[in-house]
N, C-alpha and C. Protein backbone atom coordinates (compact mmCIF):
# COMPACT_ATOMS: atom_id res chain seq x y z
N UNK A 1 0.84 -1.18 0.00
CA UNK A 1 0.00 0.00 0.00
C UNK A 1 0.89 1.25 0.00
N UNK A 2 0.54 2.23 -0.82
CA UNK A 2 1.30 3.46 -0.90
C UNK A 2 0.94 4.40 0.23
N UNK A 3 1.93 5.13 0.72
CA UNK A 3 1.63 6.13 1.73
C UNK A 3 2.08 7.48 1.21
N UNK A 4 1.62 8.53 1.82
CA UNK A 4 1.97 9.87 1.41
C UNK A 4 0.76 10.76 1.50
N UNK A 5 0.87 11.97 0.94
CA UNK A 5 -0.24 12.90 1.03
C UNK A 5 -1.48 12.36 0.31
N UNK A 6 -2.60 12.61 0.89
CA UNK A 6 -3.86 12.19 0.30
C UNK A 6 -4.18 13.04 -0.92
N UNK A 7 -4.75 12.41 -1.91
CA UNK A 7 -5.14 13.13 -3.12
C UNK A 7 -6.62 13.49 -3.05
N UNK A 8 -7.05 13.96 -1.92
CA UNK A 8 -8.43 14.40 -1.79
C UNK A 8 -8.43 15.88 -1.44
N UNK A 9 -9.59 16.42 -1.37
CA UNK A 9 -9.69 17.82 -0.98
C UNK A 9 -9.36 18.78 -2.12
N UNK A 10 -8.77 19.93 -1.79
CA UNK A 10 -8.55 20.99 -2.76
C UNK A 10 -7.68 20.59 -3.95
N UNK A 11 -6.66 19.76 -3.72
CA UNK A 11 -5.79 19.36 -4.83
C UNK A 11 -6.57 18.55 -5.85
N UNK A 12 -7.31 17.57 -5.38
CA UNK A 12 -8.09 16.74 -6.30
C UNK A 12 -9.17 17.55 -6.99
N UNK A 13 -9.75 18.48 -6.27
CA UNK A 13 -10.78 19.34 -6.85
C UNK A 13 -10.20 20.17 -7.99
N UNK A 14 -8.99 20.69 -7.78
CA UNK A 14 -8.33 21.49 -8.82
C UNK A 14 -8.03 20.63 -10.05
N UNK A 15 -7.57 19.42 -9.83
CA UNK A 15 -7.28 18.51 -10.95
C UNK A 15 -8.56 18.21 -11.71
N UNK A 16 -9.64 17.89 -10.99
CA UNK A 16 -10.92 17.59 -11.64
C UNK A 16 -11.44 18.78 -12.43
N UNK A 17 -11.27 19.99 -11.89
CA UNK A 17 -11.73 21.19 -12.60
C UNK A 17 -10.92 21.39 -13.88
N UNK A 18 -9.62 21.14 -13.82
CA UNK A 18 -8.80 21.29 -15.02
C UNK A 18 -9.17 20.25 -16.07
N UNK A 19 -9.37 18.99 -15.63
CA UNK A 19 -9.80 17.95 -16.57
C UNK A 19 -11.14 18.32 -17.21
N UNK A 20 -12.06 18.80 -16.38
CA UNK A 20 -13.40 19.17 -16.87
C UNK A 20 -13.30 20.29 -17.91
N UNK A 21 -12.53 21.32 -17.60
CA UNK A 21 -12.40 22.45 -18.52
C UNK A 21 -11.73 22.03 -19.83
N UNK A 22 -10.74 21.17 -19.73
CA UNK A 22 -10.04 20.71 -20.94
C UNK A 22 -10.98 19.89 -21.81
N UNK A 23 -11.72 18.99 -21.20
CA UNK A 23 -12.67 18.17 -21.96
C UNK A 23 -13.75 19.04 -22.61
N UNK A 24 -14.31 19.97 -21.85
CA UNK A 24 -15.33 20.87 -22.41
C UNK A 24 -14.78 21.67 -23.58
N UNK A 25 -13.55 22.17 -23.43
CA UNK A 25 -12.94 22.99 -24.48
C UNK A 25 -12.71 22.16 -25.75
N UNK A 26 -12.18 20.96 -25.60
CA UNK A 26 -11.96 20.10 -26.76
C UNK A 26 -13.27 19.79 -27.47
N UNK A 27 -14.29 19.50 -26.69
CA UNK A 27 -15.60 19.18 -27.28
C UNK A 27 -16.19 20.40 -27.97
N UNK A 28 -16.06 21.55 -27.33
CA UNK A 28 -16.57 22.80 -27.90
C UNK A 28 -15.84 23.16 -29.19
N UNK A 29 -14.51 23.02 -29.18
CA UNK A 29 -13.71 23.34 -30.36
C UNK A 29 -14.13 22.52 -31.57
N UNK A 30 -14.56 21.30 -31.33
CA UNK A 30 -14.95 20.42 -32.44
C UNK A 30 -16.45 20.47 -32.73
N UNK A 31 -17.19 21.13 -31.86
CA UNK A 31 -18.65 21.20 -32.04
C UNK A 31 -19.32 19.85 -31.81
N UNK A 32 -18.72 19.03 -30.96
CA UNK A 32 -19.25 17.69 -30.70
C UNK A 32 -20.24 17.71 -29.55
N UNK A 33 -21.29 16.95 -29.71
CA UNK A 33 -22.22 16.69 -28.60
C UNK A 33 -21.58 15.64 -27.70
N UNK A 34 -22.18 15.44 -26.53
CA UNK A 34 -21.69 14.36 -25.66
C UNK A 34 -21.83 13.01 -26.35
N UNK A 35 -22.91 12.83 -27.13
CA UNK A 35 -23.10 11.58 -27.86
C UNK A 35 -21.96 11.33 -28.83
N UNK A 36 -21.62 12.36 -29.60
CA UNK A 36 -20.54 12.22 -30.58
C UNK A 36 -19.20 11.96 -29.88
N UNK A 37 -18.93 12.69 -28.81
CA UNK A 37 -17.68 12.49 -28.07
C UNK A 37 -17.62 11.07 -27.51
N UNK A 38 -18.72 10.57 -26.99
CA UNK A 38 -18.76 9.22 -26.44
C UNK A 38 -18.44 8.19 -27.52
N UNK A 39 -19.01 8.39 -28.70
CA UNK A 39 -18.75 7.47 -29.81
C UNK A 39 -17.29 7.52 -30.24
N UNK A 40 -16.75 8.72 -30.39
CA UNK A 40 -15.36 8.89 -30.84
C UNK A 40 -14.36 8.36 -29.83
N UNK A 41 -14.68 8.50 -28.55
CA UNK A 41 -13.73 8.14 -27.49
C UNK A 41 -13.91 6.72 -26.96
N UNK A 42 -15.07 6.15 -27.17
CA UNK A 42 -15.32 4.83 -26.60
C UNK A 42 -15.54 4.88 -25.10
N UNK A 43 -16.04 6.03 -24.63
CA UNK A 43 -16.34 6.24 -23.21
C UNK A 43 -17.81 6.64 -23.14
N UNK A 44 -18.53 6.15 -22.15
CA UNK A 44 -19.97 6.42 -22.09
C UNK A 44 -20.27 7.92 -21.97
N UNK A 45 -21.41 8.29 -22.49
CA UNK A 45 -21.88 9.66 -22.40
C UNK A 45 -22.03 10.08 -20.93
N UNK A 46 -22.51 9.17 -20.11
CA UNK A 46 -22.69 9.46 -18.68
C UNK A 46 -21.34 9.77 -18.02
N UNK A 47 -20.31 8.98 -18.34
CA UNK A 47 -18.99 9.20 -17.75
C UNK A 47 -18.42 10.53 -18.22
N UNK A 48 -18.53 10.83 -19.51
CA UNK A 48 -18.03 12.11 -20.01
C UNK A 48 -18.73 13.28 -19.32
N UNK A 49 -20.03 13.16 -19.13
CA UNK A 49 -20.79 14.21 -18.44
C UNK A 49 -20.32 14.39 -17.00
N UNK A 50 -20.07 13.28 -16.33
CA UNK A 50 -19.59 13.36 -14.94
C UNK A 50 -18.21 14.01 -14.87
N UNK A 51 -17.35 13.70 -15.83
CA UNK A 51 -16.01 14.30 -15.85
C UNK A 51 -16.13 15.80 -16.12
N UNK A 52 -16.97 16.17 -17.08
CA UNK A 52 -17.16 17.59 -17.41
C UNK A 52 -17.73 18.39 -16.25
N UNK A 53 -18.52 17.76 -15.42
CA UNK A 53 -19.10 18.45 -14.26
C UNK A 53 -18.19 18.36 -13.03
N UNK A 54 -17.05 17.68 -13.17
CA UNK A 54 -16.12 17.54 -12.07
C UNK A 54 -16.61 16.57 -11.01
N UNK A 55 -17.52 15.69 -11.38
CA UNK A 55 -18.10 14.75 -10.42
C UNK A 55 -17.36 13.42 -10.40
N UNK A 56 -16.49 13.18 -11.37
CA UNK A 56 -15.79 11.91 -11.46
C UNK A 56 -14.35 12.14 -11.87
N UNK A 57 -13.46 11.33 -11.31
CA UNK A 57 -12.05 11.36 -11.68
C UNK A 57 -11.79 10.15 -12.58
N UNK A 58 -11.45 10.38 -13.83
CA UNK A 58 -11.26 9.25 -14.73
C UNK A 58 -9.98 8.49 -14.40
N UNK A 59 -10.00 7.19 -14.69
CA UNK A 59 -8.78 6.40 -14.58
C UNK A 59 -7.84 6.81 -15.71
N UNK A 60 -6.59 6.39 -15.62
CA UNK A 60 -5.64 6.69 -16.69
C UNK A 60 -6.12 6.05 -17.99
N UNK A 61 -6.67 4.84 -17.92
CA UNK A 61 -7.16 4.17 -19.12
C UNK A 61 -8.29 4.96 -19.77
N UNK A 62 -9.21 5.48 -18.96
CA UNK A 62 -10.31 6.29 -19.50
C UNK A 62 -9.79 7.58 -20.08
N UNK A 63 -8.88 8.22 -19.38
CA UNK A 63 -8.30 9.46 -19.88
C UNK A 63 -7.56 9.24 -21.20
N UNK A 64 -6.89 8.10 -21.32
CA UNK A 64 -6.19 7.74 -22.55
C UNK A 64 -7.20 7.60 -23.70
N UNK A 65 -8.32 6.95 -23.45
CA UNK A 65 -9.36 6.80 -24.48
C UNK A 65 -9.89 8.16 -24.91
N UNK A 66 -10.12 9.03 -23.94
CA UNK A 66 -10.64 10.36 -24.26
C UNK A 66 -9.63 11.15 -25.09
N UNK A 67 -8.38 11.16 -24.64
CA UNK A 67 -7.34 11.88 -25.39
C UNK A 67 -7.21 11.33 -26.80
N UNK A 68 -7.21 10.02 -26.94
CA UNK A 68 -7.10 9.39 -28.26
C UNK A 68 -8.29 9.74 -29.14
N UNK A 69 -9.48 9.72 -28.56
CA UNK A 69 -10.69 10.05 -29.33
C UNK A 69 -10.66 11.47 -29.86
N UNK A 70 -10.07 12.38 -29.12
CA UNK A 70 -9.98 13.77 -29.55
C UNK A 70 -8.70 14.05 -30.34
N UNK A 71 -7.83 13.06 -30.44
CA UNK A 71 -6.56 13.27 -31.12
C UNK A 71 -5.66 14.22 -30.35
N UNK A 72 -5.80 14.21 -29.02
CA UNK A 72 -5.02 15.10 -28.15
C UNK A 72 -4.00 14.26 -27.37
N UNK A 73 -3.01 14.92 -26.84
CA UNK A 73 -2.03 14.21 -26.01
C UNK A 73 -2.61 14.01 -24.62
N UNK A 74 -2.16 12.96 -23.98
CA UNK A 74 -2.58 12.71 -22.60
C UNK A 74 -2.13 13.86 -21.70
N UNK A 75 -0.95 14.40 -21.98
CA UNK A 75 -0.43 15.49 -21.15
C UNK A 75 -1.27 16.76 -21.25
N UNK A 76 -2.03 16.93 -22.33
CA UNK A 76 -2.87 18.13 -22.44
C UNK A 76 -3.95 18.16 -21.36
N UNK A 77 -4.27 16.99 -20.78
CA UNK A 77 -5.24 16.91 -19.70
C UNK A 77 -4.60 17.08 -18.33
N UNK A 78 -3.26 17.03 -18.30
CA UNK A 78 -2.57 17.00 -17.01
C UNK A 78 -1.83 18.27 -16.66
N UNK A 79 -1.51 19.09 -17.63
CA UNK A 79 -0.77 20.31 -17.33
C UNK A 79 -1.23 21.46 -18.21
N UNK A 80 -1.29 22.65 -17.66
CA UNK A 80 -1.69 23.81 -18.47
C UNK A 80 -0.69 24.05 -19.59
N UNK A 81 -1.16 24.58 -20.72
CA UNK A 81 -0.24 24.90 -21.79
C UNK A 81 0.76 25.97 -21.35
N UNK A 82 1.89 26.02 -22.01
CA UNK A 82 2.96 26.95 -21.64
C UNK A 82 2.48 28.40 -21.63
N UNK A 83 1.49 28.74 -22.44
CA UNK A 83 1.00 30.11 -22.51
C UNK A 83 0.42 30.58 -21.18
N UNK A 84 -0.01 29.65 -20.33
CA UNK A 84 -0.58 30.02 -19.04
C UNK A 84 0.48 30.20 -17.96
N UNK A 85 1.71 29.87 -18.27
CA UNK A 85 2.78 30.04 -17.29
C UNK A 85 3.28 31.47 -17.35
N UNK A 86 3.63 32.02 -16.21
CA UNK A 86 4.10 33.40 -16.20
C UNK A 86 5.60 33.46 -16.47
N UNK A 87 5.98 34.50 -17.15
CA UNK A 87 7.38 34.74 -17.50
C UNK A 87 7.68 36.19 -17.19
N UNK A 88 8.87 36.46 -16.69
CA UNK A 88 9.25 37.85 -16.45
C UNK A 88 10.43 38.19 -17.35
N UNK A 89 10.55 39.46 -17.68
CA UNK A 89 11.71 39.87 -18.48
C UNK A 89 12.84 40.28 -17.54
N UNK A 90 14.00 40.53 -18.11
CA UNK A 90 15.19 40.83 -17.30
C UNK A 90 15.00 42.05 -16.41
N UNK A 91 14.20 43.02 -16.85
CA UNK A 91 13.99 44.22 -16.06
C UNK A 91 13.17 43.93 -14.80
N UNK A 92 12.35 42.87 -14.84
CA UNK A 92 11.51 42.52 -13.70
C UNK A 92 12.16 41.54 -12.74
N UNK A 93 13.18 40.83 -13.18
CA UNK A 93 13.78 39.76 -12.38
C UNK A 93 15.17 40.13 -11.90
N UNK A 94 15.51 39.56 -10.78
CA UNK A 94 16.90 39.63 -10.32
C UNK A 94 17.52 38.29 -10.67
N UNK A 95 18.35 38.30 -11.67
CA UNK A 95 18.97 37.07 -12.14
C UNK A 95 20.16 36.71 -11.25
N UNK A 96 20.25 35.45 -10.89
CA UNK A 96 21.36 34.98 -10.07
C UNK A 96 22.31 34.18 -10.94
N UNK A 97 23.58 34.41 -10.75
CA UNK A 97 24.59 33.66 -11.50
C UNK A 97 25.67 33.22 -10.53
N UNK A 98 26.16 31.99 -10.70
CA UNK A 98 27.24 31.56 -9.82
C UNK A 98 28.47 32.45 -10.05
N UNK A 99 29.10 32.81 -8.98
CA UNK A 99 30.30 33.65 -9.07
C UNK A 99 31.24 33.27 -7.95
N UNK A 100 32.53 33.49 -8.16
CA UNK A 100 33.46 33.19 -7.06
C UNK A 100 33.06 33.98 -5.82
N UNK A 101 33.02 33.31 -4.70
CA UNK A 101 32.66 33.99 -3.46
C UNK A 101 31.16 34.10 -3.25
N UNK A 102 30.35 33.41 -4.02
CA UNK A 102 28.91 33.44 -3.80
C UNK A 102 28.15 33.88 -5.04
N UNK A 103 26.85 34.06 -4.87
CA UNK A 103 26.00 34.45 -6.00
C UNK A 103 25.93 35.95 -6.13
N UNK A 104 25.76 36.39 -7.34
CA UNK A 104 25.65 37.82 -7.63
C UNK A 104 24.48 38.04 -8.58
N UNK A 105 23.83 39.21 -8.45
CA UNK A 105 22.72 39.49 -9.35
C UNK A 105 23.25 40.03 -10.67
N UNK A 106 22.35 40.41 -11.57
CA UNK A 106 22.74 40.85 -12.91
C UNK A 106 23.62 42.09 -12.87
N UNK A 107 23.53 42.87 -11.82
CA UNK A 107 24.37 44.08 -11.70
C UNK A 107 25.69 43.80 -11.00
N UNK A 108 25.91 42.56 -10.57
CA UNK A 108 27.16 42.19 -9.92
C UNK A 108 27.15 42.32 -8.42
N UNK A 109 26.03 42.73 -7.84
CA UNK A 109 25.94 42.89 -6.39
C UNK A 109 25.79 41.52 -5.72
N UNK A 110 26.44 41.31 -4.58
CA UNK A 110 26.30 40.03 -3.86
C UNK A 110 24.85 39.81 -3.44
N UNK A 111 24.41 38.57 -3.53
CA UNK A 111 23.04 38.18 -3.16
C UNK A 111 23.12 37.03 -2.18
N UNK A 112 22.42 37.14 -1.08
CA UNK A 112 22.36 36.03 -0.13
C UNK A 112 21.19 35.14 -0.52
N UNK A 113 21.41 33.86 -0.49
CA UNK A 113 20.37 32.91 -0.90
C UNK A 113 19.80 32.23 0.30
């Protein structure tokens, strides 16, 4: 039996919401009804509806069927696209670089880590 943090509560809720939003978006982009998606994916209409409403957590096998049916990668259901990640430019960040005697920022000033 595996031990560790429980996958219930807010973390699981967030995962289910992301899965639901991704599934809804894929279906919307293709203009597919739940019936059509069920046929294409080989997953019941009821199960797809439960996933879209965040009421069910699909198994990896079910998620694989859904991804395959939509011609999407499995990872598209598991992580936000890179566009949703934040990036800062050099003017906004203090860049750290290894230097003799410790780390220094982009201006050469010593930085404590």
